[in-house]
N, C-alpha and C. Protein backbone atom coordinates (compact mmCIF):
# COMPACT_ATOMS: atom_id res chain seq x y z
N UNK A 1 49.27 28.63 -21.05
CA UNK A 1 49.12 30.44 -21.34
C UNK A 1 50.43 30.74 -21.48
N UNK A 2 51.50 29.96 -20.33
CA UNK A 2 52.71 30.16 -19.90
C UNK A 2 53.58 29.23 -20.88
N UNK A 3 53.22 28.38 -21.68
CA UNK A 3 53.86 28.00 -22.69
C UNK A 3 53.14 27.47 -23.91
N UNK A 4 51.93 27.63 -24.29
CA UNK A 4 51.28 27.68 -25.72
C UNK A 4 51.22 28.83 -26.33
N UNK A 5 52.25 29.64 -25.89
CA UNK A 5 52.08 30.99 -26.57
C UNK A 5 53.25 31.49 -27.02
N UNK A 6 53.57 31.98 -28.58
CA UNK A 6 55.32 32.56 -29.17
C UNK A 6 55.78 33.61 -27.83
N UNK A 7 55.19 34.62 -27.70
CA UNK A 7 55.77 35.14 -26.79
C UNK A 7 56.58 34.64 -25.58
N UNK A 8 55.27 33.81 -24.88
CA UNK A 8 56.04 33.28 -23.60
C UNK A 8 57.13 32.07 -24.09
N UNK A 9 57.23 30.97 -25.32
CA UNK A 9 58.36 30.22 -25.46
C UNK A 9 59.60 31.23 -25.96
N UNK A 10 59.23 32.50 -26.31
CA UNK A 10 60.36 33.00 -26.77
C UNK A 10 61.35 33.44 -25.33
N UNK A 11 60.25 33.91 -24.73
CA UNK A 11 60.91 34.49 -23.29
C UNK A 11 61.60 33.23 -22.47
N UNK A 12 61.27 32.18 -22.46
CA UNK A 12 61.64 30.99 -21.95
C UNK A 12 63.07 30.61 -22.38
N UNK A 13 62.94 30.59 -23.92
CA UNK A 13 64.44 30.20 -24.67
C UNK A 13 65.73 31.60 -24.65
N UNK A 14 64.75 33.25 -24.87
CA UNK A 14 65.93 33.87 -24.41
C UNK A 14 66.72 33.83 -23.17
N UNK A 15 66.38 33.14 -22.28
CA UNK A 15 66.88 33.08 -20.66
C UNK A 15 67.31 31.47 -20.28
N UNK A 16 67.53 31.05 -21.28
CA UNK A 16 68.02 29.57 -21.38
C UNK A 16 67.15 28.79 -20.81
N UNK A 17 65.82 28.71 -20.47
CA UNK A 17 65.44 28.36 -19.63
C UNK A 17 64.32 26.75 -20.47
N UNK A 18 63.80 27.21 -21.43
CA UNK A 18 62.96 26.01 -22.23
C UNK A 18 63.41 24.91 -22.12
N UNK A 19 64.85 24.67 -22.33
CA UNK A 19 65.21 23.20 -22.15
C UNK A 19 65.15 22.90 -21.05
N UNK A 20 64.97 23.31 -19.89
CA UNK A 20 65.09 22.85 -18.77
C UNK A 20 63.38 22.70 -18.39
N UNK A 21 62.68 23.15 -18.72
CA UNK A 21 61.19 23.07 -18.55
C UNK A 21 60.79 22.76 -19.34
N UNK A 22 60.99 22.27 -20.33
CA UNK A 22 59.85 21.99 -21.63
C UNK A 22 59.09 21.08 -20.94
N UNK A 23 60.18 19.51 -20.72
CA UNK A 23 59.25 18.86 -20.62
C UNK A 23 57.81 18.58 -19.02
N UNK A 24 58.45 19.64 -18.46
CA UNK A 24 57.35 19.52 -17.01
C UNK A 24 56.16 20.47 -17.82
N UNK A 25 56.39 21.75 -18.69
CA UNK A 25 55.31 22.60 -19.11
C UNK A 25 54.56 22.04 -20.13
N UNK A 26 54.97 21.10 -20.78
CA UNK A 26 53.97 20.18 -21.86
C UNK A 26 53.61 19.03 -21.09
N UNK A 27 53.52 18.63 -20.12
CA UNK A 27 52.96 17.56 -19.27
C UNK A 27 51.71 17.75 -18.75
N UNK A 28 50.91 16.76 -18.16
CA UNK A 28 49.35 17.32 -17.96
C UNK A 28 49.43 17.49 -16.62
N UNK A 29 48.56 17.81 -15.96
CA UNK A 29 48.55 18.05 -14.76
C UNK A 29 48.19 19.52 -14.48
N UNK A 30 47.94 19.59 -13.09
CA UNK A 30 47.36 21.50 -12.70
C UNK A 30 48.61 22.48 -12.95
N UNK A 31 47.73 23.66 -13.19
CA UNK A 31 48.85 24.70 -13.14
C UNK A 31 49.86 24.70 -12.03
N UNK A 32 48.94 24.54 -11.17
CA UNK A 32 50.26 24.84 -9.77
C UNK A 32 51.44 23.66 -9.21
N UNK A 33 50.56 22.51 -9.73
CA UNK A 33 51.41 21.42 -9.40
C UNK A 33 52.90 21.49 -10.54
N UNK A 34 52.50 21.66 -11.73
CA UNK A 34 53.61 21.93 -12.52
C UNK A 34 54.61 23.00 -12.52
N UNK A 35 54.12 23.78 -11.81
CA UNK A 35 54.61 24.96 -11.05
C UNK A 35 55.98 24.70 -10.24
N UNK A 36 55.56 23.92 -8.89
CA UNK A 36 56.21 23.20 -8.06
C UNK A 36 56.63 22.50 -8.35
N UNK A 37 56.70 21.66 -9.61
CA UNK A 37 57.62 20.50 -9.82
C UNK A 37 58.90 21.05 -10.40
N UNK A 38 58.21 22.31 -11.33
CA UNK A 38 59.76 22.69 -11.78
C UNK A 38 60.32 23.74 -11.11
N UNK A 39 60.18 24.20 -9.84
CA UNK A 39 60.74 24.51 -8.62
C UNK A 39 61.68 23.68 -7.98
N UNK A 40 60.85 22.61 -8.02
CA UNK A 40 61.60 21.80 -7.04
C UNK A 40 63.09 21.16 -8.00
N UNK A 41 62.82 21.04 -8.95
CA UNK A 41 63.62 20.29 -10.12
C UNK A 41 64.90 21.61 -10.38
N UNK A 42 64.67 22.72 -10.54
CA UNK A 42 65.68 23.79 -10.75
C UNK A 42 66.33 23.87 -9.67
N UNK A 43 68.06 24.47 -10.30
CA UNK A 43 68.86 24.88 -8.96
C UNK A 43 68.08 26.37 -8.65
N UNK A 44 68.98 26.79 -7.24
CA UNK A 44 68.55 28.49 -7.07
C UNK A 44 68.73 29.21 -8.31
N UNK A 45 69.55 29.33 -8.84
CA UNK A 45 69.92 30.68 -9.64
C UNK A 45 68.79 30.17 -10.69
N UNK A 46 68.04 29.01 -11.20
CA UNK A 46 67.53 29.15 -12.22
C UNK A 46 65.83 29.31 -11.71
N UNK A 47 65.85 28.83 -10.47
CA UNK A 47 64.14 29.07 -10.11
C UNK A 47 64.00 30.72 -9.82
N UNK A 48 65.01 31.59 -9.60
CA UNK A 48 65.13 32.62 -9.22
C UNK A 48 64.64 33.31 -10.51
N UNK A 49 65.19 33.16 -11.92
CA UNK A 49 64.79 33.65 -13.68
C UNK A 49 63.35 32.97 -13.74
N UNK A 50 63.50 31.67 -12.94
CA UNK A 50 61.95 31.48 -13.43
C UNK A 50 60.65 31.78 -13.02
N UNK A 51 61.18 32.28 -11.68
CA UNK A 51 59.54 33.13 -11.11
C UNK A 51 59.31 34.10 -11.87
N UNK A 52 60.68 35.00 -12.22
CA UNK A 52 60.96 36.43 -12.36
C UNK A 52 60.29 36.26 -13.58
N UNK A 53 60.31 35.22 -15.17
CA UNK A 53 59.61 35.74 -16.10
C UNK A 53 58.38 35.00 -15.91
N UNK A 54 58.06 33.88 -15.01
CA UNK A 54 56.55 33.72 -14.99
C UNK A 54 55.72 35.09 -14.54
N UNK A 55 56.34 35.66 -13.57
CA UNK A 55 55.68 36.73 -13.48
C UNK A 55 55.65 37.82 -14.44
N UNK A 56 56.52 38.34 -15.00
CA UNK A 56 56.55 39.16 -16.30
C UNK A 56 55.96 38.66 -17.13
N UNK A 57 55.66 37.51 -17.68
CA UNK A 57 54.73 36.46 -18.83
C UNK A 57 53.41 37.36 -18.36
N UNK A 58 53.09 36.72 -16.94
CA UNK A 58 51.47 37.15 -16.33
C UNK A 58 51.21 38.79 -16.62
N UNK A 59 52.30 39.79 -16.17
CA UNK A 59 51.98 40.71 -16.14
C UNK A 59 51.94 41.61 -17.41
N UNK A 60 52.49 40.86 -18.58
CA UNK A 60 52.14 41.56 -20.06
C UNK A 60 51.16 40.79 -20.67
N UNK A 61 50.49 40.07 -20.33
CA UNK A 61 49.19 39.32 -20.53
C UNK A 61 48.28 40.32 -19.52
N UNK A 62 48.12 40.42 -18.55
CA UNK A 62 47.33 41.36 -17.74
C UNK A 62 47.37 42.74 -18.26
N UNK A 63 48.86 43.30 -18.96
CA UNK A 63 48.18 45.04 -19.69
C UNK A 63 47.82 44.53 -20.94
N UNK A 64 48.01 43.16 -21.35
CA UNK A 64 47.41 43.13 -22.97
C UNK A 64 45.66 43.16 -22.76
N UNK A 65 45.01 42.35 -21.48
CA UNK A 65 43.70 42.42 -21.28
C UNK A 65 42.94 43.44 -20.80
N UNK A 66 44.09 44.52 -19.88
CA UNK A 66 43.29 45.60 -19.68
C UNK A 66 43.74 46.84 -20.37
């Protein structure tokens, strides 16, 4: 969901994070393991941005479903 949809990809690209997370988002593994790897490799500023965007993508998805 956080990488396969155009909306999500556009969000990551808009905040200049896609180049930093693409390798991890397209790797195999559980969702939680991928997220924790990304959080380990990003610098603090990008971690904050990543979590904020991740939350907003999730929120937008939920708004469409409900």
